Amino acid sequence: MRLPIIKHTLEFVKENDEDWVHETIELLEHLADAKGIKDEELEVIGELLSNLYGSLEVHKEIKKGTAEKDALNGFMSRVMGSIGK
């Protein structure tokens, strides 16, 4: 996951709507099932999906009243903690 991509996606959600992100996720998941897709393409799609899902998680925390910086830091701490396990 890349924090700059998550932050950029959050800006998009603020300016537009989170439904766009949900629809993008649906499209990418559908593309991942395409016949003949290469492993490196699947890796890129997977990375995009993880960033989009991460953005939605951070956005959920912000909607609950958490400051953006705290929501981002908390999310990345959870991600790093789960990697270390």
PDB file of N, CA and C in Angstrom:
ATOM      1  N   MET A   1       0.835  -1.177   0.000  1.00  0.00           N
ATOM      2  CA  MET A   1       0.000   0.000   0.000  1.00  0.00           C
ATOM      3  C   MET A   1       0.879   1.239   0.000  1.00  0.00           C
ATOM      4  N   ARG A   2       0.393   2.216  -0.683  1.00  0.00           N
ATOM      5  CA  ARG A   2       1.156   3.453  -0.797  1.00  0.00           C
ATOM      6  C   ARG A   2       0.329   4.610  -0.264  1.00  0.00           C
ATOM      7  N   LEU A   3       0.854   5.252   0.758  1.00  0.00           N
ATOM      8  CA  LEU A   3       0.173   6.358   1.407  1.00  0.00           C
ATOM      9  C   LEU A   3      -0.156   7.497   0.439  1.00  0.00           C
ATOM     10  N   PRO A   4       0.746   7.872  -0.486  1.00  0.00           N
ATOM     11  CA  PRO A   4       0.397   8.956  -1.418  1.00  0.00           C
ATOM     12  C   PRO A   4      -0.826   8.627  -2.287  1.00  0.00           C
ATOM     13  N   ILE A   5      -0.978   7.373  -2.658  1.00  0.00           N
ATOM     14  CA  ILE A   5      -2.127   6.980  -3.481  1.00  0.00           C
ATOM     15  C   ILE A   5      -3.397   7.019  -2.642  1.00  0.00           C
ATOM     16  N   ILE A   6      -3.302   6.565  -1.398  1.00  0.00           N
ATOM     17  CA  ILE A   6      -4.460   6.605  -0.509  1.00  0.00           C
ATOM     18  C   ILE A   6      -4.886   8.052  -0.271  1.00  0.00           C
ATOM     19  N   LYS A   7      -3.925   8.935  -0.015  1.00  0.00           N
ATOM     20  CA  LYS A   7      -4.238  10.353   0.200  1.00  0.00           C
ATOM     21  C   LYS A   7      -4.889  10.965  -1.045  1.00  0.00           C
ATOM     22  N   HIS A   8      -4.350  10.643  -2.192  1.00  0.00           N
ATOM     23  CA  HIS A   8      -4.880  11.192  -3.444  1.00  0.00           C
ATOM     24  C   HIS A   8      -6.310  10.700  -3.679  1.00  0.00           C
ATOM     25  N   THR A   9      -6.555   9.446  -3.389  1.00  0.00           N
ATOM     26  CA  THR A   9      -7.898   8.896  -3.529  1.00  0.00           C
ATOM     27  C   THR A   9      -8.856   9.557  -2.550  1.00  0.00           C
ATOM     28  N   LEU A  10      -8.385   9.855  -1.340  1.00  0.00           N
ATOM     29  CA  LEU A  10      -9.222  10.568  -0.363  1.00  0.00           C
ATOM     30  C   LEU A  10      -9.640  11.933  -0.886  1.00  0.00           C
ATOM     31  N   GLU A  11      -8.728  12.609  -1.565  1.00  0.00           N
ATOM     32  CA  GLU A  11      -9.062  13.908  -2.168  1.00  0.00           C
ATOM     33  C   GLU A  11     -10.161  13.734  -3.211  1.00  0.00           C
ATOM     34  N   PHE A  12     -10.058  12.681  -4.001  1.00  0.00           N
ATOM     35  CA  PHE A  12     -11.083  12.399  -5.002  1.00  0.00           C
ATOM     36  C   PHE A  12     -12.440  12.173  -4.333  1.00  0.00           C
ATOM     37  N   VAL A  13     -12.441  11.403  -3.244  1.00  0.00           N
ATOM     38  CA  VAL A  13     -13.683  11.112  -2.522  1.00  0.00           C
ATOM     39  C   VAL A  13     -14.291  12.401  -1.977  1.00  0.00           C
ATOM     40  N   LYS A  14     -13.445  13.290  -1.459  1.00  0.00           N
ATOM     41  CA  LYS A  14     -13.940  14.566  -0.933  1.00  0.00           C
ATOM     42  C   LYS A  14     -14.594  15.405  -2.034  1.00  0.00           C
ATOM     43  N   GLU A  15     -13.991  15.414  -3.205  1.00  0.00           N
ATOM     44  CA  GLU A  15     -14.477  16.239  -4.313  1.00  0.00           C
ATOM     45  C   GLU A  15     -15.655  15.600  -5.040  1.00  0.00           C
ATOM     46  N   ASN A  16     -15.750  14.293  -4.983  1.00  0.00           N
ATOM     47  CA  ASN A  16     -16.785  13.580  -5.727  1.00  0.00           C
ATOM     48  C   ASN A  16     -17.658  12.785  -4.770  1.00  0.00           C
ATOM     49  N   ASP A  17     -17.448  11.496  -4.744  1.00  0.00           N
ATOM     50  CA  ASP A  17     -18.269  10.636  -3.917  1.00  0.00           C
ATOM     51  C   ASP A  17     -17.561   9.295  -3.778  1.00  0.00           C
ATOM     52  N   GLU A  18     -17.735   8.637  -2.649  1.00  0.00           N
ATOM     53  CA  GLU A  18     -17.073   7.350  -2.454  1.00  0.00           C
ATOM     54  C   GLU A  18     -17.669   6.251  -3.327  1.00  0.00           C
ATOM     55  N   ASP A  19     -18.877   6.469  -3.847  1.00  0.00           N
ATOM     56  CA  ASP A  19     -19.482   5.470  -4.733  1.00  0.00           C
ATOM     57  C   ASP A  19     -18.619   5.217  -5.968  1.00  0.00           C
ATOM     58  N   TRP A  20     -17.927   6.246  -6.442  1.00  0.00           N
ATOM     59  CA  TRP A  20     -17.034   6.074  -7.584  1.00  0.00           C
ATOM     60  C   TRP A  20     -15.932   5.064  -7.257  1.00  0.00           C
ATOM     61  N   VAL A  21     -15.424   5.131  -6.041  1.00  0.00           N
ATOM     62  CA  VAL A  21     -14.365   4.208  -5.633  1.00  0.00           C
ATOM     63  C   VAL A  21     -14.921   2.789  -5.554  1.00  0.00           C
ATOM     64  N   HIS A  22     -16.110   2.630  -5.004  1.00  0.00           N
ATOM     65  CA  HIS A  22     -16.736   1.305  -4.939  1.00  0.00           C
ATOM     66  C   HIS A  22     -16.925   0.727  -6.338  1.00  0.00           C
ATOM     67  N   GLU A  23     -17.363   1.553  -7.269  1.00  0.00           N
ATOM     68  CA  GLU A  23     -17.573   1.084  -8.643  1.00  0.00           C
ATOM     69  C   GLU A  23     -16.250   0.739  -9.315  1.00  0.00           C
ATOM     70  N   THR A  24     -15.213   1.504  -9.024  1.00  0.00           N
ATOM     71  CA  THR A  24     -13.890   1.209  -9.574  1.00  0.00           C
ATOM     72  C   THR A  24     -13.381  -0.118  -9.052  1.00  0.00           C
ATOM     73  N   ILE A  25     -13.610  -0.370  -7.768  1.00  0.00           N
ATOM     74  CA  ILE A  25     -13.215  -1.644  -7.171  1.00  0.00           C
ATOM     75  C   ILE A  25     -13.939  -2.793  -7.869  1.00  0.00           C
ATOM     76  N   GLU A  26     -15.235  -2.638  -8.097  1.00  0.00           N
ATOM     77  CA  GLU A  26     -15.999  -3.682  -8.789  1.00  0.00           C
ATOM     78  C   GLU A  26     -15.423  -3.960 -10.172  1.00  0.00           C
ATOM     79  N   LEU A  27     -15.079  -2.897 -10.888  1.00  0.00           N
ATOM     80  CA  LEU A  27     -14.518  -3.055 -12.228  1.00  0.00           C
ATOM     81  C   LEU A  27     -13.167  -3.769 -12.173  1.00  0.00           C
ATOM     82  N   LEU A  28     -12.288  -3.348 -11.266  1.00  0.00           N
ATOM     83  CA  LEU A  28     -10.973  -3.980 -11.170  1.00  0.00           C
ATOM     84  C   LEU A  28     -11.085  -5.453 -10.769  1.00  0.00           C
ATOM     85  N   GLU A  29     -12.004  -5.762  -9.861  1.00  0.00           N
ATOM     86  CA  GLU A  29     -12.202  -7.160  -9.485  1.00  0.00           C
ATOM     87  C   GLU A  29     -12.709  -7.974 -10.670  1.00  0.00           C
ATOM     88  N   HIS A  30     -13.569  -7.367 -11.467  1.00  0.00           N
ATOM     89  CA  HIS A  30     -14.061  -8.047 -12.662  1.00  0.00           C
ATOM     90  C   HIS A  30     -12.921  -8.263 -13.665  1.00  0.00           C
ATOM     91  N   LEU A  31     -12.078  -7.253 -13.840  1.00  0.00           N
ATOM     92  CA  LEU A  31     -10.946  -7.377 -14.765  1.00  0.00           C
ATOM     93  C   LEU A  31      -9.969  -8.460 -14.312  1.00  0.00           C
ATOM     94  N   ALA A  32      -9.818  -8.623 -13.012  1.00  0.00           N
ATOM     95  CA  ALA A  32      -8.886  -9.631 -12.498  1.00  0.00           C
ATOM     96  C   ALA A  32      -9.295 -11.043 -12.915  1.00  0.00           C
ATOM     97  N   ASP A  33     -10.557 -11.232 -13.222  1.00  0.00           N
ATOM     98  CA  ASP A  33     -11.045 -12.540 -13.650  1.00  0.00           C
ATOM     99  C   ASP A  33     -10.984 -12.744 -15.162  1.00  0.00           C
ATOM    100  N   ALA A  34     -10.463 -11.757 -15.878  1.00  0.00           N
ATOM    101  CA  ALA A  34     -10.429 -11.843 -17.335  1.00  0.00           C
ATOM    102  C   ALA A  34      -9.548 -13.002 -17.803  1.00  0.00           C
ATOM    103  N   LYS A  35      -9.992 -13.630 -18.843  1.00  0.00           N
ATOM    104  CA  LYS A  35      -9.245 -14.744 -19.428  1.00  0.00           C
ATOM    105  C   LYS A  35      -7.938 -14.211 -20.034  1.00  0.00           C
ATOM    106  N   GLY A  36      -6.858 -14.878 -19.764  1.00  0.00           N
ATOM    107  CA  GLY A  36      -5.584 -14.515 -20.368  1.00  0.00           C
ATOM    108  C   GLY A  36      -4.843 -13.384 -19.676  1.00  0.00           C
ATOM    109  N   ILE A  37      -5.299 -12.949 -18.526  1.00  0.00           N
ATOM    110  CA  ILE A  37      -4.605 -11.864 -17.837  1.00  0.00           C
ATOM    111  C   ILE A  37      -3.276 -12.388 -17.286  1.00  0.00           C
ATOM    112  N   LYS A  38      -2.245 -11.561 -17.388  1.00  0.00           N
ATOM    113  CA  LYS A  38      -0.900 -11.963 -16.982  1.00  0.00           C
ATOM    114  C   LYS A  38      -0.689 -11.724 -15.490  1.00  0.00           C
ATOM    115  N   ASP A  39       0.283 -12.438 -14.940  1.00  0.00           N
ATOM    116  CA  ASP A  39       0.586 -12.310 -13.509  1.00  0.00           C
ATOM    117  C   ASP A  39       0.953 -10.880 -13.128  1.00  0.00           C
ATOM    118  N   GLU A  40       1.767 -10.223 -13.958  1.00  0.00           N
ATOM    119  CA  GLU A  40       2.161  -8.853 -13.615  1.00  0.00           C
ATOM    120  C   GLU A  40       0.974  -7.895 -13.664  1.00  0.00           C
ATOM    121  N   GLU A  41       0.022  -8.160 -14.539  1.00  0.00           N
ATOM    122  CA  GLU A  41      -1.195  -7.354 -14.591  1.00  0.00           C
ATOM    123  C   GLU A  41      -2.045  -7.571 -13.338  1.00  0.00           C
ATOM    124  N   LEU A  42      -2.113  -8.816 -12.892  1.00  0.00           N
ATOM    125  CA  LEU A  42      -2.835  -9.123 -11.659  1.00  0.00           C
ATOM    126  C   LEU A  42      -2.197  -8.437 -10.456  1.00  0.00           C
ATOM    127  N   GLU A  43      -0.882  -8.360 -10.441  1.00  0.00           N
ATOM    128  CA  GLU A  43      -0.179  -7.677  -9.349  1.00  0.00           C
ATOM    129  C   GLU A  43      -0.540  -6.201  -9.311  1.00  0.00           C
ATOM    130  N   VAL A  44      -0.581  -5.574 -10.473  1.00  0.00           N
ATOM    131  CA  VAL A  44      -0.933  -4.152 -10.545  1.00  0.00           C
ATOM    132  C   VAL A  44      -2.380  -3.941 -10.090  1.00  0.00           C
ATOM    133  N   ILE A  45      -3.270  -4.783 -10.570  1.00  0.00           N
ATOM    134  CA  ILE A  45      -4.681  -4.680 -10.168  1.00  0.00           C
ATOM    135  C   ILE A  45      -4.799  -4.886  -8.657  1.00  0.00           C
ATOM    136  N   GLY A  46      -4.086  -5.864  -8.131  1.00  0.00           N
ATOM    137  CA  GLY A  46      -4.118  -6.126  -6.692  1.00  0.00           C
ATOM    138  C   GLY A  46      -3.618  -4.944  -5.881  1.00  0.00           C
ATOM    139  N   GLU A  47      -2.563  -4.317  -6.341  1.00  0.00           N
ATOM    140  CA  GLU A  47      -2.026  -3.141  -5.649  1.00  0.00           C
ATOM    141  C   GLU A  47      -3.020  -1.990  -5.689  1.00  0.00           C
ATOM    142  N   LEU A  48      -3.632  -1.771  -6.837  1.00  0.00           N
ATOM    143  CA  LEU A  48      -4.651  -0.727  -6.941  1.00  0.00           C
ATOM    144  C   LEU A  48      -5.822  -1.018  -6.011  1.00  0.00           C
ATOM    145  N   LEU A  49      -6.265  -2.262  -5.995  1.00  0.00           N
ATOM    146  CA  LEU A  49      -7.379  -2.640  -5.122  1.00  0.00           C
ATOM    147  C   LEU A  49      -7.042  -2.405  -3.652  1.00  0.00           C
ATOM    148  N   SER A  50      -5.857  -2.790  -3.237  1.00  0.00           N
ATOM    149  CA  SER A  50      -5.503  -2.612  -1.829  1.00  0.00           C
ATOM    150  C   SER A  50      -5.451  -1.132  -1.459  1.00  0.00           C
ATOM    151  N   ASN A  51      -4.990  -0.292  -2.357  1.00  0.00           N
ATOM    152  CA  ASN A  51      -4.978   1.149  -2.097  1.00  0.00           C
ATOM    153  C   ASN A  51      -6.394   1.726  -2.045  1.00  0.00           C
ATOM    154  N   LEU A  52      -7.251   1.261  -2.938  1.00  0.00           N
ATOM    155  CA  LEU A  52      -8.635   1.752  -2.940  1.00  0.00           C
ATOM    156  C   LEU A  52      -9.379   1.305  -1.684  1.00  0.00           C
ATOM    157  N   TYR A  53      -9.209   0.033  -1.306  1.00  0.00           N
ATOM    158  CA  TYR A  53      -9.838  -0.445  -0.068  1.00  0.00           C
ATOM    159  C   TYR A  53      -9.283   0.312   1.140  1.00  0.00           C
ATOM    160  N   GLY A  54      -7.988   0.570   1.130  1.00  0.00           N
ATOM    161  CA  GLY A  54      -7.381   1.344   2.212  1.00  0.00           C
ATOM    162  C   GLY A  54      -7.961   2.741   2.302  1.00  0.00           C
ATOM    163  N   SER A  55      -8.166   3.362   1.162  1.00  0.00           N
ATOM    164  CA  SER A  55      -8.759   4.704   1.128  1.00  0.00           C
ATOM    165  C   SER A  55     -10.155   4.698   1.724  1.00  0.00           C
ATOM    166  N   LEU A  56     -10.929   3.673   1.407  1.00  0.00           N
ATOM    167  CA  LEU A  56     -12.284   3.583   1.955  1.00  0.00           C
ATOM    168  C   LEU A  56     -12.253   3.386   3.469  1.00  0.00           C
ATOM    169  N   GLU A  57     -11.300   2.607   3.959  1.00  0.00           N
ATOM    170  CA  GLU A  57     -11.171   2.395   5.405  1.00  0.00           C
ATOM    171  C   GLU A  57     -10.821   3.703   6.113  1.00  0.00           C
ATOM    172  N   VAL A  58      -9.888   4.449   5.545  1.00  0.00           N
ATOM    173  CA  VAL A  58      -9.493   5.734   6.137  1.00  0.00           C
ATOM    174  C   VAL A  58     -10.664   6.706   6.071  1.00  0.00           C
ATOM    175  N   HIS A  59     -11.368   6.717   4.948  1.00  0.00           N
ATOM    176  CA  HIS A  59     -12.515   7.611   4.796  1.00  0.00           C
ATOM    177  C   HIS A  59     -13.592   7.301   5.840  1.00  0.00           C
ATOM    178  N   LYS A  60     -13.791   6.015   6.134  1.00  0.00           N
ATOM    179  CA  LYS A  60     -14.757   5.604   7.141  1.00  0.00           C
ATOM    180  C   LYS A  60     -14.401   6.202   8.510  1.00  0.00           C
ATOM    181  N   GLU A  61     -13.113   6.178   8.841  1.00  0.00           N
ATOM    182  CA  GLU A  61     -12.657   6.738  10.110  1.00  0.00           C
ATOM    183  C   GLU A  61     -12.839   8.255  10.150  1.00  0.00           C
ATOM    184  N   ILE A  62     -12.577   8.899   9.030  1.00  0.00           N
ATOM    185  CA  ILE A  62     -12.737  10.358   8.948  1.00  0.00           C
ATOM    186  C   ILE A  62     -14.208  10.723   9.136  1.00  0.00           C
ATOM    187  N   LYS A  63     -15.104   9.934   8.538  1.00  0.00           N
ATOM    188  CA  LYS A  63     -16.544  10.190   8.698  1.00  0.00           C
ATOM    189  C   LYS A  63     -16.985  10.042  10.154  1.00  0.00           C
ATOM    190  N   LYS A  64     -16.277   9.213  10.922  1.00  0.00           N
ATOM    191  CA  LYS A  64     -16.593   9.040  12.342  1.00  0.00           C
ATOM    192  C   LYS A  64     -16.075  10.200  13.184  1.00  0.00           C
ATOM    193  N   GLY A  65     -15.287  11.100  12.550  1.00  0.00           N
ATOM    194  CA  GLY A  65     -14.783  12.260  13.278  1.00  0.00           C
ATOM    195  C   GLY A  65     -13.292  12.243  13.549  1.00  0.00           C
ATOM    196  N   THR A  66     -12.610  11.207  13.128  1.00  0.00           N
ATOM    197  CA  THR A  66     -11.159  11.132  13.308  1.00  0.00           C
ATOM    198  C   THR A  66     -10.488  12.104  12.342  1.00  0.00           C
ATOM    199  N   ALA A  67      -9.488  12.818  12.811  1.00  0.00           N
ATOM    200  CA  ALA A  67      -8.732  13.718  11.939  1.00  0.00           C
ATOM    201  C   ALA A  67      -8.063  12.901  10.835  1.00  0.00           C
ATOM    202  N   GLU A  68      -7.959  13.491   9.647  1.00  0.00           N
ATOM    203  CA  GLU A  68      -7.404  12.759   8.504  1.00  0.00           C
ATOM    204  C   GLU A  68      -6.018  12.197   8.814  1.00  0.00           C
ATOM    205  N   LYS A  69      -5.168  13.019   9.395  1.00  0.00           N
ATOM    206  CA  LYS A  69      -3.800  12.581   9.703  1.00  0.00           C
ATOM    207  C   LYS A  69      -3.822  11.391  10.665  1.00  0.00           C
ATOM    208  N   ASP A  70      -4.664  11.464  11.684  1.00  0.00           N
ATOM    209  CA  ASP A  70      -4.765  10.373  12.655  1.00  0.00           C
ATOM    210  C   ASP A  70      -5.348   9.115  12.014  1.00  0.00           C
ATOM    211  N   ALA A  71      -6.327   9.293  11.143  1.00  0.00           N
ATOM    212  CA  ALA A  71      -6.930   8.154  10.453  1.00  0.00           C
ATOM    213  C   ALA A  71      -5.905   7.469   9.548  1.00  0.00           C
ATOM    214  N   LEU A  72      -5.113   8.259   8.831  1.00  0.00           N
ATOM    215  CA  LEU A  72      -4.068   7.705   7.963  1.00  0.00           C
ATOM    216  C   LEU A  72      -3.008   6.981   8.786  1.00  0.00           C
ATOM    217  N   ASN A  73      -2.553   7.625   9.861  1.00  0.00           N
ATOM    218  CA  ASN A  73      -1.528   7.007  10.701  1.00  0.00           C
ATOM    219  C   ASN A  73      -2.037   5.725  11.352  1.00  0.00           C
ATOM    220  N   GLY A  74      -3.270   5.752  11.835  1.00  0.00           N
ATOM    221  CA  GLY A  74      -3.847   4.558  12.445  1.00  0.00           C
ATOM    222  C   GLY A  74      -3.973   3.416  11.461  1.00  0.00           C
ATOM    223  N   PHE A  75      -4.410   3.737  10.260  1.00  0.00           N
ATOM    224  CA  PHE A  75      -4.554   2.706   9.238  1.00  0.00           C
ATOM    225  C   PHE A  75      -3.198   2.092   8.885  1.00  0.00           C
ATOM    226  N   MET A  76      -2.204   2.948   8.653  1.00  0.00           N
ATOM    227  CA  MET A  76      -0.884   2.437   8.279  1.00  0.00           C
ATOM    228  C   MET A  76      -0.263   1.641   9.423  1.00  0.00           C
ATOM    229  N   SER A  77      -0.532   2.020  10.665  1.00  0.00           N
ATOM    230  CA  SER A  77      -0.040   1.248  11.814  1.00  0.00           C
ATOM    231  C   SER A  77      -0.659  -0.141  11.815  1.00  0.00           C
ATOM    232  N   ARG A  78      -1.948  -0.223  11.534  1.00  0.00           N
ATOM    233  CA  ARG A  78      -2.615  -1.537  11.469  1.00  0.00           C
ATOM    234  C   ARG A  78      -2.028  -2.380  10.351  1.00  0.00           C
ATOM    235  N   VAL A  79      -1.789  -1.758   9.205  1.00  0.00           N
ATOM    236  CA  VAL A  79      -1.236  -2.495   8.066  1.00  0.00           C
ATOM    237  C   VAL A  79       0.161  -3.002   8.407  1.00  0.00           C
ATOM    238  N   MET A  80       0.990  -2.141   8.955  1.00  0.00           N
ATOM    239  CA  MET A  80       2.364  -2.540   9.289  1.00  0.00           C
ATOM    240  C   MET A  80       2.356  -3.607  10.392  1.00  0.00           C
ATOM    241  N   GLY A  81       1.425  -3.481  11.336  1.00  0.00           N
ATOM    242  CA  GLY A  81       1.315  -4.474  12.396  1.00  0.00           C
ATOM    243  C   GLY A  81       0.912  -5.840  11.872  1.00  0.00           C
ATOM    244  N   SER A  82       0.029  -5.856  10.866  1.00  0.00           N
ATOM    245  CA  SER A  82      -0.413  -7.131  10.312  1.00  0.00           C
ATOM    246  C   SER A  82       0.672  -7.766   9.437  1.00  0.00           C
ATOM    247  N   ILE A  83       1.539  -6.950   8.874  1.00  0.00           N
ATOM    248  CA  ILE A  83       2.631  -7.483   8.058  1.00  0.00           C
ATOM    249  C   ILE A  83       3.649  -8.165   8.947  1.00  0.00           C
ATOM    250  N   GLY A  84       3.868  -7.612  10.144  1.00  0.00           N
ATOM    251  CA  GLY A  84       4.851  -8.158  11.054  1.00  0.00           C
ATOM    252  C   GLY A  84       4.437  -9.453  11.711  1.00  0.00           C
ATOM    253  N   LYS A  85       3.170  -9.827  11.601  1.00  0.00           N
ATOM    254  CA  LYS A  85       2.677 -11.052  12.278  1.00  0.00           C
ATOM    255  C   LYS A  85       2.962 -12.287  11.484  1.00  0.00           C
TER     256      LYS A  85
END
